[in-house]
Amino acid sequence: MFQLDFYGTLVAASLVLLLGRGLVTRVGFLRAYNIPEPVAGGLVVALALLAMRGLEVEVRFDTSLQTPLMLAFFATIGLSADLASLKKGGRVVGVFLLAVVGLLVVQNAMGIGLAKALGLDPLMGLLTGSVTLAGGHGTGAAWGSVFSEKYGLASASELAMASATFGLVLGGLIGGPVARLLIKRVQSPGGLEPEKTRMPKGFEQPNKERSITAFSFIETLALIAVSLLAGTLLNGQLHGTAFELPTFVCVLFVGVVLRNGLSALGLYQVFEREVSVLGNVSLSLFLAIALMSLKLWDLASLALPIFIILAAQTLVMALFAIFVTFRIMGSHYDAAVLAAGHCGFGLGATPTAIANMQAVTQRYGPSQIAFLVVPMVGAFFIDIINVIVIKLYLALPFFAVT
């Protein structure tokens, strides 16, 4: 077994991103279907590690950098959130939230229905529904423990981790193809060219060159550090209370307060170009480490019935994005980008959603409303609503504790 330390893991993550860039640039299929660069490179490395494991060679990474990178990314989301702009997207946020809630309900109904049809415990269906797909690894781990201790479901935590991994992979793979299909419906001859002439903001086009200075870069880095520190402290204060929230939500909230508070007081204006650069770096490295560290053999160990449920959930996510999300969001270009983002955090996580949308906007042009709506819904609302939906399903008679 080879254990890479902090520096070795950072080198490996950087090489994964370079590999992903090379693959997307040179492989027409990946470029045509808008596969994010971290996903392309990370999956190749994960497959290589799976093959090496078959030869009894295992490589492990130091993932201690993964959480700080994720939190730094959410800090930049908060620092990019101009409340004046959010007011403009209020109705769009509400409509998209309806689509999100609808998917959570459908995912759990599908999971429970298929589990019962396949002769499995309905709890397994719930675990392969919104608990792990919309919830991700963190929510899956939390509910896996509850299902094991309170409901007596064997190997719930292991199933949760494998299902969340499956969702993370597929969420990063289907978003681009779904957007490509939808954009073909709305694109007229030269239809997207006017969008490309607008200067992109925030995370819309990560490869766009932006002029920055060393001092302003340090100022933005300081704001991110304050968001991380204050957000972590806030999370500690809320722990165990009725207002407990995931750490990344607290960090994002502090970023929003910093951005808008300093602006309202006339003390400081956040430089969005530095925020976007640091946010994109954090996002790319986080996804690279997450994907290259995937234990694909956990997916191979899924029993066939569970694999069938997860495959069906992936198909449902794609169909929901095409026939529900896209349509209720307006059936235009922005709606197509939102559909790609919904695939990302409907199956995986908010960083996956952002990566999906970046792959689309990098090719077709900016979508400011999508990068306004998806991070806010994915960070602030999805976890809270998911808990409510899960608890409502657990109130059904066949989930009664014995």
Protein backbone atom coordinates (compact mmCIF):
# COMPACT_ATOMS: atom_id res chain seq x y z
CA MET A 1 0.00 0.00 0.00
CA PHE A 2 1.19 3.51 -0.87
CA GLN A 3 0.13 6.37 1.41
CA LEU A 4 0.51 9.83 -0.10
CA ASP A 5 1.00 12.65 2.41
CA PHE A 6 -0.46 16.17 2.22
CA TYR A 7 2.00 17.36 -0.40
CA GLY A 8 1.78 14.20 -2.48
CA THR A 9 -2.02 14.44 -2.49
CA LEU A 10 -1.88 18.10 -3.56
CA VAL A 11 0.47 17.19 -6.42
CA ALA A 12 -1.82 14.31 -7.43
CA ALA A 13 -4.90 16.57 -7.37
CA SER A 14 -3.15 19.15 -9.56
CA LEU A 15 -2.15 16.44 -12.04
CA VAL A 16 -5.75 15.15 -12.08
CA LEU A 17 -6.96 18.61 -13.10
CA LEU A 18 -4.32 18.86 -15.83
CA LEU A 19 -5.28 15.37 -17.02
CA GLY A 20 -8.95 16.36 -17.06
CA ARG A 21 -8.19 19.52 -19.05
CA GLY A 22 -6.20 17.47 -21.58
CA LEU A 23 -8.93 14.85 -21.90
CA VAL A 24 -11.74 17.36 -22.40
CA THR A 25 -9.64 19.31 -24.91
CA ARG A 26 -8.68 16.26 -26.96
CA VAL A 27 -11.63 13.86 -26.61
CA GLY A 28 -14.55 15.10 -28.66
CA PHE A 29 -17.12 13.06 -26.76
CA LEU A 30 -16.22 14.63 -23.42
CA ARG A 31 -16.22 18.11 -24.91
CA ALA A 32 -19.48 17.61 -26.80
CA TYR A 33 -21.32 16.41 -23.70
CA ASN A 34 -19.86 19.08 -21.39
CA ILE A 35 -18.21 16.69 -18.92
CA PRO A 36 -16.47 18.77 -16.19
CA GLU A 37 -12.68 18.58 -16.24
CA PRO A 38 -12.33 17.42 -12.58
CA VAL A 39 -14.86 14.65 -13.25
CA ALA A 40 -13.06 13.46 -16.38
CA GLY A 41 -9.62 13.40 -14.78
CA GLY A 42 -10.82 12.13 -11.40
CA LEU A 43 -12.72 9.18 -12.85
CA VAL A 44 -9.77 8.10 -14.97
CA VAL A 45 -7.56 8.05 -11.88
CA ALA A 46 -10.25 6.29 -9.81
CA LEU A 47 -10.56 3.60 -12.51
CA ALA A 48 -6.78 3.22 -12.61
CA LEU A 49 -6.70 2.76 -8.83
CA LEU A 50 -9.49 0.18 -9.12
CA ALA A 51 -7.37 -1.77 -11.63
CA MET A 52 -4.31 -1.49 -9.38
CA ARG A 53 -6.33 -2.82 -6.45
CA GLY A 54 -7.02 -5.92 -8.53
CA LEU A 55 -3.22 -6.36 -8.64
CA GLU A 56 -3.14 -5.98 -4.83
CA VAL A 57 -1.66 -2.49 -5.04
CA GLU A 58 -3.52 0.21 -3.15
CA VAL A 59 -2.92 3.96 -3.08
CA ARG A 60 -4.38 6.13 -0.33
CA PHE A 61 -4.54 9.90 -0.20
CA ASP A 62 -4.40 12.42 2.60
CA THR A 63 -7.87 13.96 2.36
CA SER A 64 -7.36 16.47 5.19
CA LEU A 65 -7.37 19.28 2.62
CA GLN A 66 -10.75 18.25 1.20
CA THR A 67 -12.98 19.81 3.87
CA PRO A 68 -11.14 23.17 4.03
CA LEU A 69 -11.34 23.42 0.24
CA MET A 70 -15.07 22.71 0.27
CA LEU A 71 -15.63 25.30 3.01
CA ALA A 72 -13.49 27.84 1.15
CA PHE A 73 -15.63 27.29 -1.93
CA PHE A 74 -18.84 27.95 0.01
CA ALA A 75 -17.22 31.02 1.59
CA THR A 76 -16.66 32.43 -1.91
CA ILE A 77 -20.29 31.63 -2.77
CA GLY A 78 -21.33 33.74 0.21
CA LEU A 79 -18.90 36.54 -0.66
CA SER A 80 -20.36 36.59 -4.19
CA ALA A 81 -23.95 36.90 -2.95
CA ASP A 82 -25.07 40.47 -3.47
CA LEU A 83 -28.46 40.76 -1.71
CA ALA A 84 -29.58 43.42 -4.17
CA SER A 85 -29.05 40.91 -6.97
CA LEU A 86 -30.75 38.16 -4.99
CA LYS A 87 -33.92 40.26 -4.79
CA LYS A 88 -34.06 40.24 -8.58
CA GLY A 89 -33.94 36.46 -8.61
CA GLY A 90 -36.48 36.01 -5.82
CA ARG A 91 -39.26 34.54 -7.96
CA VAL A 92 -36.82 32.33 -9.87
CA VAL A 93 -35.42 30.99 -6.58
CA GLY A 94 -38.96 30.17 -5.42
CA VAL A 95 -39.85 28.34 -8.62
CA PHE A 96 -36.59 26.39 -8.64
CA LEU A 97 -37.18 25.48 -5.00
CA LEU A 98 -40.49 23.91 -6.02
CA ALA A 99 -38.65 21.77 -8.56
CA VAL A 100 -36.16 20.73 -5.89
CA VAL A 101 -38.91 19.72 -3.45
CA GLY A 102 -40.71 17.82 -6.19
CA LEU A 103 -37.57 15.80 -6.96
CA LEU A 104 -37.04 14.91 -3.27
CA VAL A 105 -40.58 13.54 -3.08
CA VAL A 106 -40.19 11.60 -6.33
CA GLN A 107 -36.78 10.16 -5.35
CA ASN A 108 -38.10 8.74 -2.10
CA ALA A 109 -41.29 7.42 -3.65
CA MET A 110 -39.24 5.73 -6.38
CA GLY A 111 -36.75 4.27 -3.92
CA ILE A 112 -39.37 2.91 -1.53
CA GLY A 113 -41.56 1.58 -4.34
CA LEU A 114 -38.71 -0.26 -6.05
CA ALA A 115 -37.37 -1.60 -2.75
CA LYS A 116 -40.76 -3.12 -1.90
CA ALA A 117 -41.13 -4.51 -5.43
CA LEU A 118 -37.69 -6.14 -5.15
CA GLY A 119 -38.45 -7.60 -1.72
CA LEU A 120 -36.13 -5.27 0.20
CA ASP A 121 -36.65 -3.31 3.39
CA PRO A 122 -38.37 0.00 2.47
CA LEU A 123 -35.68 1.74 4.53
CA MET A 124 -33.17 0.70 1.87
CA GLY A 125 -35.33 2.48 -0.68
CA LEU A 126 -35.35 5.62 1.44
CA LEU A 127 -31.60 5.36 1.91
CA THR A 128 -31.12 5.16 -1.86
CA GLY A 129 -33.46 8.12 -2.32
CA SER A 130 -33.00 11.71 -1.22
CA VAL A 131 -31.08 10.67 1.92
CA THR A 132 -27.90 9.96 -0.04
CA LEU A 133 -28.58 11.36 -3.51
CA ALA A 134 -29.73 14.89 -2.71
CA GLY A 135 -28.15 14.64 0.75
CA GLY A 136 -24.70 13.40 -0.17
CA HIS A 137 -22.15 11.64 2.04
CA GLY A 138 -22.71 13.79 5.14
CA THR A 139 -26.49 13.37 5.26
CA GLY A 140 -26.13 9.72 4.29
CA ALA A 141 -23.73 9.03 7.16
CA ALA A 142 -26.02 10.76 9.67
CA TRP A 143 -29.18 8.93 8.61
CA GLY A 144 -27.32 5.65 8.14
CA SER A 145 -26.53 5.66 11.85
CA VAL A 146 -30.17 6.43 12.68
CA PHE A 147 -31.44 3.61 10.48
CA SER A 148 -29.01 1.16 12.08
CA GLU A 149 -29.55 2.14 15.71
CA LYS A 150 -33.24 3.03 15.74
CA TYR A 151 -34.67 0.86 12.98
CA GLY A 152 -32.20 -2.05 13.06
CA LEU A 153 -31.19 -1.85 9.38
CA ALA A 154 -27.96 -3.81 8.96
CA SER A 155 -25.02 -2.19 7.10
CA ALA A 156 -26.98 1.05 6.65
CA SER A 157 -23.89 3.26 6.89
CA GLU A 158 -21.98 1.24 4.31
CA LEU A 159 -24.94 1.31 1.94
CA ALA A 160 -25.28 5.06 2.46
CA MET A 161 -21.64 5.73 1.57
CA ALA A 162 -21.78 3.54 -1.54
CA SER A 163 -25.04 5.14 -2.71
CA ALA A 164 -23.71 8.67 -2.15
CA THR A 165 -20.57 7.77 -4.12
CA PHE A 166 -22.71 6.45 -6.97
CA GLY A 167 -24.69 9.68 -6.97
CA LEU A 168 -21.58 11.87 -6.95
CA VAL A 169 -20.21 10.09 -10.02
CA LEU A 170 -23.45 10.05 -12.00
CA GLY A 171 -24.38 13.60 -10.99
CA GLY A 172 -21.18 14.82 -12.63
CA LEU A 173 -21.75 12.73 -15.75
CA ILE A 174 -25.38 13.35 -16.73
CA GLY A 175 -25.60 17.13 -16.22
CA GLY A 176 -23.65 18.03 -19.36
CA PRO A 177 -25.51 15.68 -21.74
CA VAL A 178 -28.88 16.84 -20.35
CA ALA A 179 -27.93 20.50 -20.91
CA ARG A 180 -26.67 19.73 -24.43
CA LEU A 181 -29.99 18.11 -25.33
CA LEU A 182 -31.99 21.04 -23.95
CA ILE A 183 -29.80 23.76 -25.49
CA LYS A 184 -30.39 22.22 -28.92
CA ARG A 185 -34.09 22.93 -28.40
CA VAL A 186 -33.64 26.63 -27.62
CA GLN A 187 -30.63 27.59 -29.72
CA SER A 188 -31.43 29.51 -32.89
CA PRO A 189 -28.78 30.30 -35.52
CA GLY A 190 -26.24 32.40 -33.66
CA GLY A 191 -28.67 32.48 -30.77
CA LEU A 192 -26.11 32.37 -27.98
CA GLU A 193 -23.61 34.84 -29.40
CA PRO A 194 -25.07 37.92 -27.63
CA GLU A 195 -24.66 36.16 -24.28
CA LYS A 196 -21.00 35.53 -24.98
CA THR A 197 -20.33 39.23 -25.39
CA ARG A 198 -21.28 39.97 -21.76
CA MET A 199 -18.46 39.94 -19.22
CA PRO A 200 -18.94 36.80 -17.10
CA LYS A 201 -19.28 37.17 -13.35
CA GLY A 202 -18.46 34.88 -10.46
CA PHE A 203 -18.22 31.23 -11.42
CA GLU A 204 -19.78 31.36 -14.89
CA GLN A 205 -16.62 30.91 -16.95
CA PRO A 206 -13.72 29.71 -14.77
CA ASN A 207 -11.14 29.88 -17.57
CA LYS A 208 -11.81 33.54 -18.34
CA GLU A 209 -8.75 35.72 -17.61
CA ARG A 210 -9.28 38.26 -14.85
CA SER A 211 -6.91 41.07 -13.85
CA ILE A 212 -5.95 40.87 -10.16
CA THR A 213 -3.28 42.34 -7.89
CA ALA A 214 -1.34 40.73 -5.06
CA PHE A 215 -2.78 43.06 -2.42
CA SER A 216 -6.42 42.67 -3.47
CA PHE A 217 -5.84 38.90 -3.64
CA ILE A 218 -4.63 38.95 -0.02
CA GLU A 219 -7.66 41.02 1.01
CA THR A 220 -10.00 38.44 -0.50
CA LEU A 221 -8.02 35.60 1.06
CA ALA A 222 -8.46 37.32 4.43
CA LEU A 223 -12.23 37.54 3.91
CA ILE A 224 -12.37 33.83 3.10
CA ALA A 225 -10.31 33.02 6.21
CA VAL A 226 -12.64 35.12 8.39
CA SER A 227 -15.65 33.33 6.87
CA LEU A 228 -14.09 29.94 7.65
CA LEU A 229 -13.21 30.89 11.23
CA ALA A 230 -16.48 32.63 12.09
CA GLY A 231 -18.56 30.00 10.28
CA THR A 232 -16.88 27.18 12.17
CA LEU A 233 -17.37 28.98 15.48
CA LEU A 234 -21.05 29.63 14.63
CA ASN A 235 -21.52 25.97 13.78
CA GLY A 236 -20.06 25.03 17.17
CA GLN A 237 -22.49 27.34 18.95
CA LEU A 238 -25.48 25.92 17.06
CA HIS A 239 -24.45 22.29 17.53
CA GLY A 240 -27.04 20.31 19.44
CA THR A 241 -29.68 23.06 19.21
CA ALA A 242 -32.85 23.23 17.15
CA PHE A 243 -31.01 25.60 14.80
CA GLU A 244 -28.11 23.27 14.04
CA LEU A 245 -26.88 23.60 10.46
CA PRO A 246 -24.08 21.99 8.42
CA THR A 247 -20.75 23.79 8.74
CA PHE A 248 -20.68 24.84 5.10
CA VAL A 249 -24.05 26.62 5.48
CA CYS A 250 -22.67 28.60 8.44
CA VAL A 251 -19.55 29.54 6.46
CA LEU A 252 -21.66 30.63 3.49
CA PHE A 253 -23.91 32.68 5.78
CA VAL A 254 -20.92 34.51 7.28
CA GLY A 255 -19.67 35.23 3.75
CA VAL A 256 -23.04 36.77 2.83
CA VAL A 257 -23.01 38.93 5.99
CA LEU A 258 -19.42 40.07 5.35
CA ARG A 259 -20.03 40.96 1.71
CA ASN A 260 -23.24 42.90 2.29
CA GLY A 261 -22.41 44.30 5.73
CA LEU A 262 -19.12 45.86 4.64
CA SER A 263 -20.78 47.23 1.52
CA ALA A 264 -23.74 48.72 3.43
CA LEU A 265 -21.37 50.44 5.87
CA GLY A 266 -19.28 51.80 3.00
CA LEU A 267 -16.14 50.15 4.39
CA TYR A 268 -15.19 47.76 1.61
CA GLN A 269 -16.38 46.44 -1.75
CA VAL A 270 -15.62 42.79 -2.42
CA PHE A 271 -13.63 42.25 -5.63
CA GLU A 272 -15.58 39.58 -7.45
CA ARG A 273 -12.76 38.69 -9.79
CA GLU A 274 -10.51 37.59 -6.91
CA VAL A 275 -13.40 35.80 -5.22
CA SER A 276 -14.18 33.89 -8.40
CA VAL A 277 -10.53 32.90 -8.95
CA LEU A 278 -10.10 31.57 -5.39
CA GLY A 279 -13.52 29.93 -5.49
CA ASN A 280 -12.78 28.14 -8.75
CA VAL A 281 -9.40 26.95 -7.48
CA SER A 282 -11.00 25.60 -4.28
CA LEU A 283 -13.82 23.94 -6.22
CA SER A 284 -11.52 22.29 -8.76
CA LEU A 285 -9.09 20.93 -6.16
CA PHE A 286 -11.95 19.74 -3.93
CA LEU A 287 -13.58 17.81 -6.76
CA ALA A 288 -10.24 16.41 -7.93
CA ILE A 289 -9.44 15.04 -4.45
CA ALA A 290 -13.01 13.77 -3.95
CA LEU A 291 -13.15 11.95 -7.27
CA MET A 292 -9.63 10.54 -7.35
CA SER A 293 -10.23 9.22 -3.80
CA LEU A 294 -13.42 7.38 -4.80
CA LYS A 295 -13.46 3.75 -3.77
CA LEU A 296 -15.16 2.40 -6.87
CA TRP A 297 -15.02 -1.09 -5.42
CA ASP A 298 -17.70 0.02 -2.98
CA LEU A 299 -19.98 0.50 -5.98
CA ALA A 300 -19.02 -2.91 -7.31
CA SER A 301 -20.07 -4.41 -3.98
CA LEU A 302 -23.63 -3.09 -4.27
CA ALA A 303 -26.13 -5.88 -4.52
CA LEU A 304 -27.93 -6.06 -7.86
CA PRO A 305 -31.30 -4.86 -6.48
CA ILE A 306 -29.69 -1.75 -4.95
CA PHE A 307 -27.84 -1.07 -8.18
CA ILE A 308 -31.15 -1.32 -10.05
CA ILE A 309 -32.72 1.27 -7.72
CA LEU A 310 -29.80 3.68 -8.13
CA ALA A 311 -29.78 3.26 -11.92
CA ALA A 312 -33.50 4.01 -11.96
CA GLN A 313 -32.92 7.07 -9.78
CA THR A 314 -30.34 8.35 -12.27
CA LEU A 315 -32.81 7.94 -15.14
CA VAL A 316 -35.53 9.69 -13.10
CA MET A 317 -33.16 12.58 -12.35
CA ALA A 318 -32.40 13.08 -16.04
CA LEU A 319 -36.07 12.89 -17.04
CA PHE A 320 -37.10 15.21 -14.20
CA ALA A 321 -34.51 17.79 -15.27
CA ILE A 322 -35.66 17.61 -18.90
CA PHE A 323 -39.44 17.53 -18.47
CA VAL A 324 -39.95 19.36 -15.18
CA THR A 325 -37.02 21.59 -14.18
CA PHE A 326 -36.37 22.88 -17.70
CA ARG A 327 -40.02 23.59 -18.41
CA ILE A 328 -41.05 25.29 -15.18
CA MET A 329 -37.90 27.43 -15.27
CA GLY A 330 -38.91 28.86 -18.64
CA SER A 331 -37.61 26.49 -21.37
CA HIS A 332 -34.77 28.85 -22.33
CA TYR A 333 -30.98 28.80 -22.14
CA ASP A 334 -30.84 29.72 -18.44
CA ALA A 335 -33.33 26.92 -17.75
CA ALA A 336 -31.03 24.44 -19.50
CA VAL A 337 -28.09 25.50 -17.33
CA LEU A 338 -30.30 25.23 -14.23
CA ALA A 339 -31.29 21.71 -15.30
CA ALA A 340 -27.61 20.75 -15.50
CA GLY A 341 -27.08 22.17 -12.02
CA HIS A 342 -30.11 20.31 -10.69
CA CYS A 343 -28.60 17.05 -11.97
CA GLY A 344 -25.45 17.88 -10.02
CA PHE A 345 -26.93 18.36 -6.57
CA GLY A 346 -30.00 16.18 -7.19
CA LEU A 347 -27.66 13.20 -7.36
CA GLY A 348 -24.43 14.49 -5.84
CA ALA A 349 -23.64 17.81 -4.19
CA THR A 350 -23.61 21.57 -4.77
CA PRO A 351 -19.94 21.59 -5.93
CA THR A 352 -20.88 19.01 -8.57
CA ALA A 353 -23.77 21.24 -9.66
CA ILE A 354 -21.42 24.22 -10.06
CA ALA A 355 -18.93 22.12 -12.04
CA ASN A 356 -21.74 20.93 -14.34
CA MET A 357 -22.89 24.49 -15.01
CA GLN A 358 -19.34 25.71 -15.56
CA ALA A 359 -18.79 23.03 -18.19
CA VAL A 360 -21.93 24.26 -19.97
CA THR A 361 -21.35 28.02 -19.70
CA GLN A 362 -17.70 27.67 -20.65
CA ARG A 363 -18.87 26.36 -24.01
CA TYR A 364 -22.18 28.11 -24.65
CA GLY A 365 -21.94 31.38 -22.74
CA PRO A 366 -22.73 32.88 -19.31
CA SER A 367 -25.91 32.33 -17.31
CA GLN A 368 -25.90 34.74 -14.41
CA ILE A 369 -29.27 33.68 -12.99
CA ALA A 370 -28.22 30.01 -12.80
CA PHE A 371 -25.12 30.85 -10.77
CA LEU A 372 -27.25 33.02 -8.54
CA VAL A 373 -30.00 30.49 -7.88
CA VAL A 374 -28.31 27.07 -7.69
CA PRO A 375 -25.68 27.86 -5.01
CA MET A 376 -28.24 29.53 -2.75
CA VAL A 377 -30.81 26.75 -3.06
CA GLY A 378 -28.16 24.02 -2.90
CA ALA A 379 -26.50 25.48 0.19
CA PHE A 380 -29.28 27.12 2.20
CA PHE A 381 -32.44 25.17 1.44
CA ILE A 382 -31.73 21.63 0.23
CA ASP A 383 -30.55 20.14 3.54
CA ILE A 384 -33.35 21.68 5.61
CA ILE A 385 -36.09 20.67 3.16
CA ASN A 386 -34.58 17.20 2.74
CA VAL A 387 -34.76 16.57 6.49
CA ILE A 388 -38.44 17.57 6.52
CA VAL A 389 -39.25 15.32 3.53
CA ILE A 390 -37.37 12.35 5.04
CA LYS A 391 -39.17 12.71 8.37
CA LEU A 392 -42.54 12.87 6.63
CA TYR A 393 -41.77 9.62 4.83
CA LEU A 394 -40.60 7.99 8.07
CA ALA A 395 -44.01 8.80 9.54
CA LEU A 396 -45.59 6.31 7.11
CA PRO A 397 -47.01 3.19 8.82
CA PHE A 398 -44.53 0.67 7.37
CA PHE A 399 -41.61 2.57 8.90
CA ALA A 400 -42.89 2.16 12.46
CA VAL A 401 -40.13 1.27 14.95
CA THR A 402 -40.51 -2.29 16.20
